[in-house]
Amino acid sequence: MIENLLAPENFLFLISLGMFLLIFLVQLVSLVCGMELFGFMDSLLPDVSFDIDSDLNIGDSTAGFLDSVMSMLKLGRVPFVFTFILFLFLFSLIGLYGQMALVESGVGRLHWFVASGTSFVITLPFLRFGNSVLEKVLPKDETAAVSSETFIGRMATIVIGVVTSERSAEAKLVGPEGKTHYIQVVADNEGKTFKQGDSVLVVGRRGDSLFTVIENKNPLLEE
């Protein structure tokens, strides 16, 4: 067990596990003391707002890709330090147990580069699920609940899915404090369809967590 754990092929997983334990303990102490030592990590998430004027629309395509990745993994839904801690834990756990399973099956440990790449890919769907759980269980600030009302009247961009009056999809908008928010939207008018990359105007709410949108007919409006 110890021999497998300390094998050279597992060094990246051991580093990840060590970082997990260190950051987890520091974050736990900071929460008890009422501090936010890792609050700066939220600024590491890109706002994905590119001002690049080009016939190739490189900025738009890059922004769309990053939006899709962030939305798929539900990044930004919870404080980034919790997502980072969860990633380190899942990555190290999947990697170490995966290598151990290969040894016990007689295949042998993978090279650290192959093992880490495989573990990274396997970690992503679990990270998405973990962020979904954390989003539901972590307490939310009162300001977050109030800010959702200010989404009405703002421009949003569809990032994943196709929007109709009956089918919702995910959209990105910039809130009053310049923070990026991801919301579920539906078309306000029957027969209207919006696809990924379309710019829409948020005009109302349907229930607690669903917003209605219409086509942006004013070119002066910007997200």
Protein backbone atom coordinates (compact mmCIF):
# COMPACT_ATOMS: atom_id res chain seq x y z
CA MET A 1 0.00 0.00 0.00
CA ILE A 2 2.66 2.51 1.06
CA GLU A 3 4.98 1.33 -1.73
CA ASN A 4 2.27 1.97 -4.31
CA LEU A 5 1.43 5.34 -2.76
CA LEU A 6 5.04 6.56 -2.90
CA ALA A 7 5.78 5.27 -6.42
CA PRO A 8 7.32 7.86 -8.79
CA GLU A 9 4.33 7.54 -11.12
CA ASN A 10 2.14 8.93 -8.33
CA PHE A 11 4.16 12.01 -7.40
CA LEU A 12 1.71 14.45 -9.03
CA PHE A 13 -1.20 12.91 -7.16
CA LEU A 14 0.72 13.14 -3.88
CA ILE A 15 1.44 16.82 -4.51
CA SER A 16 -2.25 17.37 -5.25
CA LEU A 17 -3.24 15.53 -2.08
CA GLY A 18 -0.79 17.57 -0.02
CA MET A 19 -2.11 20.83 -1.46
CA PHE A 20 -5.66 19.69 -0.74
CA LEU A 21 -4.89 19.02 2.91
CA LEU A 22 -3.00 22.30 3.33
CA ILE A 23 -5.58 24.55 1.66
CA PHE A 24 -8.47 22.71 3.31
CA LEU A 25 -7.01 23.20 6.79
CA VAL A 26 -6.13 26.85 6.18
CA GLN A 27 -9.60 27.53 4.78
CA LEU A 28 -11.21 25.78 7.74
CA VAL A 29 -9.23 27.89 10.22
CA SER A 30 -9.97 31.08 8.29
CA LEU A 31 -13.72 30.34 8.32
CA VAL A 32 -13.64 29.72 12.06
CA CYS A 33 -11.80 33.03 12.54
CA GLY A 34 -14.19 34.86 10.21
CA MET A 35 -11.56 35.63 7.58
CA GLU A 36 -11.45 35.11 3.81
CA LEU A 37 -7.81 34.33 3.09
CA PHE A 38 -8.57 32.86 -0.31
CA GLY A 39 -11.14 35.42 -1.44
CA PHE A 40 -8.70 36.66 -4.07
CA MET A 41 -9.06 33.34 -5.92
CA ASP A 42 -12.46 34.40 -7.26
CA SER A 43 -10.67 37.00 -9.36
CA LEU A 44 -8.71 34.20 -11.07
CA LEU A 45 -11.81 33.21 -13.00
CA PRO A 46 -11.84 35.06 -16.32
CA ASP A 47 -14.67 37.48 -16.95
CA VAL A 48 -14.46 36.38 -20.58
CA SER A 49 -15.05 39.83 -21.97
CA PHE A 50 -12.80 40.38 -24.99
CA ASP A 51 -12.64 43.67 -26.84
CA ILE A 52 -10.99 42.45 -30.03
CA ASP A 53 -12.15 43.94 -33.30
CA SER A 54 -11.32 41.55 -36.10
CA ASP A 55 -12.95 40.12 -39.17
CA LEU A 56 -12.11 36.69 -37.76
CA ASN A 57 -13.99 37.36 -34.50
CA ILE A 58 -11.25 35.60 -32.56
CA GLY A 59 -12.30 37.27 -29.34
CA ASP A 60 -15.91 36.16 -29.68
CA SER A 61 -15.01 32.55 -30.43
CA THR A 62 -12.54 32.42 -27.54
CA ALA A 63 -15.04 33.97 -25.16
CA GLY A 64 -17.70 31.53 -26.29
CA PHE A 65 -15.41 28.57 -25.66
CA LEU A 66 -14.43 29.77 -22.18
CA ASP A 67 -18.05 30.54 -21.35
CA SER A 68 -19.05 27.02 -22.38
CA VAL A 69 -16.30 25.44 -20.28
CA MET A 70 -17.09 27.55 -17.21
CA SER A 71 -20.79 26.90 -17.56
CA MET A 72 -20.32 23.17 -18.12
CA LEU A 73 -18.20 22.83 -14.97
CA LYS A 74 -20.41 25.31 -13.08
CA LEU A 75 -17.41 27.47 -12.27
CA GLY A 76 -18.25 30.69 -10.47
CA ARG A 77 -21.38 29.26 -8.86
CA VAL A 78 -19.54 28.85 -5.54
CA PRO A 79 -16.40 30.51 -4.11
CA PHE A 80 -13.52 29.33 -6.27
CA VAL A 81 -11.50 28.10 -3.30
CA PHE A 82 -14.14 25.41 -2.65
CA THR A 83 -14.04 24.34 -6.30
CA PHE A 84 -10.24 24.22 -6.20
CA ILE A 85 -10.22 22.16 -3.00
CA LEU A 86 -12.75 19.77 -4.50
CA PHE A 87 -10.70 19.43 -7.69
CA LEU A 88 -7.48 18.64 -5.78
CA PHE A 89 -9.27 16.01 -3.69
CA LEU A 90 -10.99 14.31 -6.64
CA PHE A 91 -7.89 14.43 -8.87
CA SER A 92 -5.62 12.86 -6.25
CA LEU A 93 -8.20 10.28 -5.16
CA ILE A 94 -9.02 9.14 -8.69
CA GLY A 95 -5.35 9.04 -9.65
CA LEU A 96 -4.10 7.09 -6.63
CA TYR A 97 -6.94 4.57 -6.60
CA GLY A 98 -6.72 4.19 -10.36
CA GLN A 99 -3.01 3.38 -10.21
CA MET A 100 -3.63 0.96 -7.35
CA ALA A 101 -6.37 -0.81 -9.31
CA LEU A 102 -4.04 -1.20 -12.30
CA VAL A 103 -1.32 -2.71 -10.12
CA GLU A 104 -3.72 -5.18 -8.51
CA SER A 105 -5.10 -6.17 -11.92
CA GLY A 106 -1.60 -6.96 -13.14
CA VAL A 107 -1.44 -4.18 -15.73
CA GLY A 108 0.98 -2.03 -13.78
CA ARG A 109 1.10 1.70 -13.08
CA LEU A 110 0.80 4.18 -15.93
CA HIS A 111 3.45 6.80 -16.62
CA TRP A 112 2.73 9.87 -14.49
CA PHE A 113 1.95 12.01 -17.55
CA VAL A 114 -0.60 9.56 -18.96
CA ALA A 115 -2.06 8.86 -15.52
CA SER A 116 -2.45 12.54 -14.65
CA GLY A 117 -4.05 13.37 -18.00
CA THR A 118 -6.50 10.50 -17.69
CA SER A 119 -7.35 11.42 -14.10
CA PHE A 120 -7.88 15.04 -15.07
CA VAL A 121 -10.44 14.10 -17.71
CA ILE A 122 -12.25 11.69 -15.37
CA THR A 123 -12.30 14.33 -12.62
CA LEU A 124 -14.22 16.92 -14.67
CA PRO A 125 -17.74 15.37 -14.58
CA PHE A 126 -17.34 14.69 -10.85
CA LEU A 127 -16.24 18.31 -10.37
CA ARG A 128 -19.37 19.52 -12.13
CA PHE A 129 -21.54 17.35 -9.89
CA GLY A 130 -19.65 18.53 -6.79
CA ASN A 131 -20.11 22.19 -7.72
CA SER A 132 -23.84 21.54 -8.17
CA VAL A 133 -24.03 20.07 -4.66
CA LEU A 134 -21.95 22.88 -3.14
CA GLU A 135 -24.14 25.46 -4.83
CA LYS A 136 -27.16 24.04 -3.02
CA VAL A 137 -25.62 23.54 0.43
CA LEU A 138 -23.35 26.57 0.83
CA PRO A 139 -25.02 29.62 2.38
CA LYS A 140 -25.65 32.50 0.01
CA ASP A 141 -25.20 36.17 0.78
CA GLU A 142 -28.31 38.35 0.93
CA THR A 143 -26.74 40.56 -1.74
CA ALA A 144 -26.79 37.62 -4.16
CA ALA A 145 -30.55 37.23 -3.78
CA VAL A 146 -31.11 40.96 -4.27
CA SER A 147 -28.82 41.17 -7.30
CA SER A 148 -30.91 38.66 -9.24
CA GLU A 149 -33.69 41.26 -9.43
CA THR A 150 -31.30 43.66 -11.12
CA PHE A 151 -30.72 41.17 -13.95
CA ILE A 152 -33.95 42.36 -15.57
CA GLY A 153 -33.18 44.92 -18.23
CA ARG A 154 -29.64 43.67 -18.80
CA MET A 155 -28.14 42.04 -21.85
CA ALA A 156 -27.20 38.35 -21.70
CA THR A 157 -25.47 35.92 -24.04
CA ILE A 158 -26.64 32.34 -24.59
CA VAL A 159 -23.72 30.06 -23.73
CA ILE A 160 -25.17 26.53 -23.79
CA GLY A 161 -28.26 25.10 -25.45
CA VAL A 162 -31.12 26.41 -27.56
CA VAL A 163 -33.76 28.68 -26.03
CA THR A 164 -37.47 28.52 -26.85
CA SER A 165 -40.58 29.54 -24.93
CA GLU A 166 -40.78 26.00 -23.55
CA ARG A 167 -37.15 24.98 -23.32
CA SER A 168 -34.63 26.78 -21.15
CA ALA A 169 -30.89 27.15 -21.64
CA GLU A 170 -28.01 28.81 -19.87
CA ALA A 171 -26.98 32.42 -20.45
CA LYS A 172 -24.26 34.69 -19.15
CA LEU A 173 -24.65 38.28 -18.03
CA VAL A 174 -22.64 40.86 -16.13
CA GLY A 175 -24.28 42.02 -12.90
CA PRO A 176 -24.30 45.47 -11.29
CA GLU A 177 -20.91 44.95 -9.61
CA GLY A 178 -19.24 43.69 -12.76
CA LYS A 179 -19.46 40.06 -11.66
CA THR A 180 -20.39 37.43 -14.23
CA HIS A 181 -23.58 35.45 -13.52
CA TYR A 182 -24.98 32.35 -15.22
CA ILE A 183 -28.78 32.09 -15.36
CA GLN A 184 -31.44 29.88 -16.93
CA VAL A 185 -33.54 31.68 -19.54
CA VAL A 186 -36.55 31.00 -21.78
CA ALA A 187 -37.94 32.97 -24.70
CA ASP A 188 -40.68 35.40 -23.68
CA ASN A 189 -42.49 35.02 -27.02
CA GLU A 190 -43.83 31.78 -28.46
CA GLY A 191 -42.14 30.62 -31.64
CA LYS A 192 -38.94 32.54 -30.88
CA THR A 193 -35.66 30.63 -30.80
CA PHE A 194 -32.20 31.70 -29.62
CA LYS A 195 -29.01 29.70 -30.04
CA GLN A 196 -25.54 29.74 -28.50
CA GLY A 197 -23.82 33.10 -28.95
CA ASP A 198 -27.05 35.10 -29.42
CA SER A 199 -27.38 38.33 -27.47
CA VAL A 200 -30.74 38.70 -25.70
CA LEU A 201 -32.45 41.15 -23.36
CA VAL A 202 -33.71 39.92 -19.98
CA VAL A 203 -37.25 41.24 -19.52
CA GLY A 204 -38.80 39.27 -16.67
CA ARG A 205 -38.91 36.22 -14.46
CA ARG A 206 -40.77 32.95 -14.59
CA GLY A 207 -40.65 31.40 -11.14
CA ASP A 208 -37.73 31.74 -8.77
CA SER A 209 -34.83 30.74 -10.99
CA LEU A 210 -35.98 31.23 -14.60
CA PHE A 211 -35.70 34.48 -16.56
CA THR A 212 -37.50 35.45 -19.76
CA VAL A 213 -35.66 37.04 -22.67
CA ILE A 214 -36.44 38.73 -25.96
CA GLU A 215 -34.43 39.59 -29.06
CA ASN A 216 -32.15 42.60 -28.74
CA LYS A 217 -33.46 45.08 -31.30
CA ASN A 218 -31.43 48.00 -30.01
CA PRO A 219 -27.85 47.91 -31.35
CA LEU A 220 -26.84 50.50 -28.74
CA LEU A 221 -27.45 48.06 -25.91
CA GLU A 222 -24.42 46.11 -24.81
CA GLU A 223 -23.94 43.35 -22.28
